Amino acid sequence: MNRRNLLAAAPAAAMAACASGALAASAAVSETPVMRIFREWEAMSAYLDGEAARSMSEDEYDTLVDDRHEIEKTMMATPAQNARDVLLKLSAWTDFGALGIGSDETGVGLFWQEVRDLIG
């Protein structure tokens, strides 16, 4: 590519960069409370599955699992704003299907009410 082609392409590249930045900013603004809690849950889950967790005592690990469960309960109690929120709740509560959803534990009844509300 010669200098003339590079200069001609620069405005289009700048427009694309602005557009992608605007989309990223828009996505950050539209993040729901459930999404923020899910990101916290996701980070805790990654930590529990990571190398650092392998070297801690069973008591330390159990404490972190309990902390993650508190994050899950907080997420379940946070009102869903859209269908994605409901799916995030289900994913975290069941660890992506590895666990059952359970009966009417904390937040599960509210979860099913949200599902009923979304499907009419």
Protein backbone atom coordinates (compact mmCIF):
# COMPACT_ATOMS: atom_id res chain seq x y z
CA MET A 1 0.00 0.00 0.00
CA ASN A 2 1.44 3.36 -0.99
CA ARG A 3 1.19 6.61 0.95
CA ARG A 4 -1.74 7.93 -1.14
CA ASN A 5 -3.82 4.77 -0.51
CA LEU A 6 -2.96 4.88 3.19
CA LEU A 7 -4.07 8.52 3.48
CA ALA A 8 -7.25 7.78 1.53
CA ALA A 9 -8.08 4.91 3.87
CA ALA A 10 -7.39 6.88 7.07
CA PRO A 11 -10.80 8.61 7.32
CA ALA A 12 -12.64 5.30 6.92
CA ALA A 13 -10.44 3.67 9.55
CA ALA A 14 -11.07 6.58 11.93
CA MET A 15 -14.83 6.30 11.36
CA ALA A 16 -14.71 2.56 12.05
CA ALA A 17 -12.73 3.14 15.25
CA CYS A 18 -15.25 5.77 16.41
CA ALA A 19 -18.16 3.50 15.60
CA SER A 20 -16.68 0.56 17.49
CA GLY A 21 -15.92 2.82 20.45
CA ALA A 22 -19.49 4.10 20.44
CA LEU A 23 -20.82 0.54 20.37
CA ALA A 24 -18.59 -0.45 23.27
CA ALA A 25 -19.69 2.61 25.25
CA SER A 26 -23.33 1.85 24.45
CA ALA A 27 -22.90 -1.76 25.62
CA ALA A 28 -21.33 -0.58 28.89
CA VAL A 29 -24.19 1.85 29.53
CA SER A 30 -26.83 -0.80 28.84
CA GLU A 31 -25.26 -3.38 31.17
CA THR A 32 -27.88 -4.42 33.68
CA PRO A 33 -27.33 -5.04 37.40
CA VAL A 34 -27.72 -8.79 36.78
CA MET A 35 -25.00 -8.64 34.12
CA ARG A 36 -22.64 -6.86 36.53
CA ILE A 37 -23.28 -9.48 39.23
CA PHE A 38 -22.83 -12.26 36.65
CA ARG A 39 -19.37 -10.86 35.76
CA GLU A 40 -18.47 -10.99 39.46
CA TRP A 41 -19.73 -14.58 39.65
CA GLU A 42 -17.79 -15.47 36.50
CA ALA A 43 -14.55 -14.05 37.95
CA MET A 44 -15.05 -15.95 41.22
CA SER A 45 -15.77 -19.16 39.31
CA ALA A 46 -12.64 -18.74 37.20
CA TYR A 47 -10.60 -18.17 40.35
CA LEU A 48 -12.06 -21.29 41.99
CA ASP A 49 -11.19 -23.30 38.88
CA GLY A 50 -7.71 -21.78 38.62
CA GLU A 51 -4.23 -22.60 39.82
CA ALA A 52 -4.44 -20.52 43.04
CA ALA A 53 -7.41 -22.54 44.29
CA ARG A 54 -5.44 -25.77 43.99
CA SER A 55 -2.93 -24.63 46.58
CA MET A 56 -5.36 -23.41 49.25
CA SER A 57 -6.72 -25.39 52.15
CA GLU A 58 -10.10 -27.06 51.97
CA ASP A 59 -11.49 -24.56 54.50
CA GLU A 60 -10.27 -21.60 52.43
CA TYR A 61 -11.75 -23.11 49.29
CA ASP A 62 -15.09 -23.83 51.01
CA THR A 63 -15.24 -20.22 52.23
CA LEU A 64 -14.80 -18.98 48.67
CA VAL A 65 -17.47 -21.39 47.42
CA ASP A 66 -19.79 -19.98 50.09
CA ASP A 67 -18.91 -16.45 48.93
CA ARG A 68 -19.77 -17.43 45.36
CA HIS A 69 -23.09 -18.83 46.54
CA GLU A 70 -23.85 -15.47 48.17
CA ILE A 71 -23.16 -13.82 44.79
CA GLU A 72 -25.58 -16.30 43.20
CA LYS A 73 -28.28 -15.52 45.77
CA THR A 74 -27.78 -11.79 45.23
CA MET A 75 -28.09 -12.29 41.48
CA MET A 76 -31.26 -14.36 41.86
CA ALA A 77 -32.81 -11.64 44.06
CA THR A 78 -31.93 -8.88 41.58
CA PRO A 79 -34.81 -8.17 39.18
CA ALA A 80 -34.20 -9.26 35.61
CA GLN A 81 -34.57 -6.51 33.05
CA ASN A 82 -34.62 -8.77 29.99
CA ALA A 83 -34.44 -12.37 28.83
CA ARG A 84 -30.64 -12.30 28.86
CA ASP A 85 -30.70 -11.54 32.58
CA VAL A 86 -32.91 -14.58 33.16
CA LEU A 87 -30.48 -16.76 31.21
CA LEU A 88 -27.52 -15.37 33.14
CA LYS A 89 -29.28 -16.17 36.41
CA LEU A 90 -30.04 -19.71 35.29
CA SER A 91 -26.46 -20.20 34.07
CA ALA A 92 -24.89 -19.04 37.32
CA TRP A 93 -27.39 -20.74 39.66
CA THR A 94 -26.88 -24.12 37.96
CA ASP A 95 -23.21 -23.58 37.05
CA PHE A 96 -24.17 -23.90 33.38
CA GLY A 97 -26.28 -26.98 34.01
CA ALA A 98 -23.81 -28.87 36.21
CA LEU A 99 -26.18 -28.45 39.16
CA GLY A 100 -29.95 -28.70 39.41
CA ILE A 101 -31.99 -25.58 39.90
CA GLY A 102 -33.42 -26.91 43.15
CA SER A 103 -36.75 -26.25 44.74
CA ASP A 104 -37.80 -22.92 46.17
CA GLU A 105 -34.46 -22.00 47.66
CA THR A 106 -33.58 -18.33 47.98
CA GLY A 107 -34.43 -16.61 44.75
CA VAL A 108 -35.63 -19.63 42.78
CA GLY A 109 -39.34 -18.79 43.17
CA LEU A 110 -38.68 -15.25 41.97
CA PHE A 111 -36.68 -16.64 39.05
CA TRP A 112 -39.60 -18.77 37.84
CA GLN A 113 -41.95 -15.81 38.22
CA GLU A 114 -39.65 -13.78 35.97
CA VAL A 115 -39.65 -16.60 33.42
CA ARG A 116 -43.48 -16.71 33.48
CA ASP A 117 -43.62 -12.92 33.09
CA LEU A 118 -41.28 -13.00 30.09
CA ILE A 119 -43.17 -15.69 28.23
CA GLY A 120 -46.55 -14.23 29.03
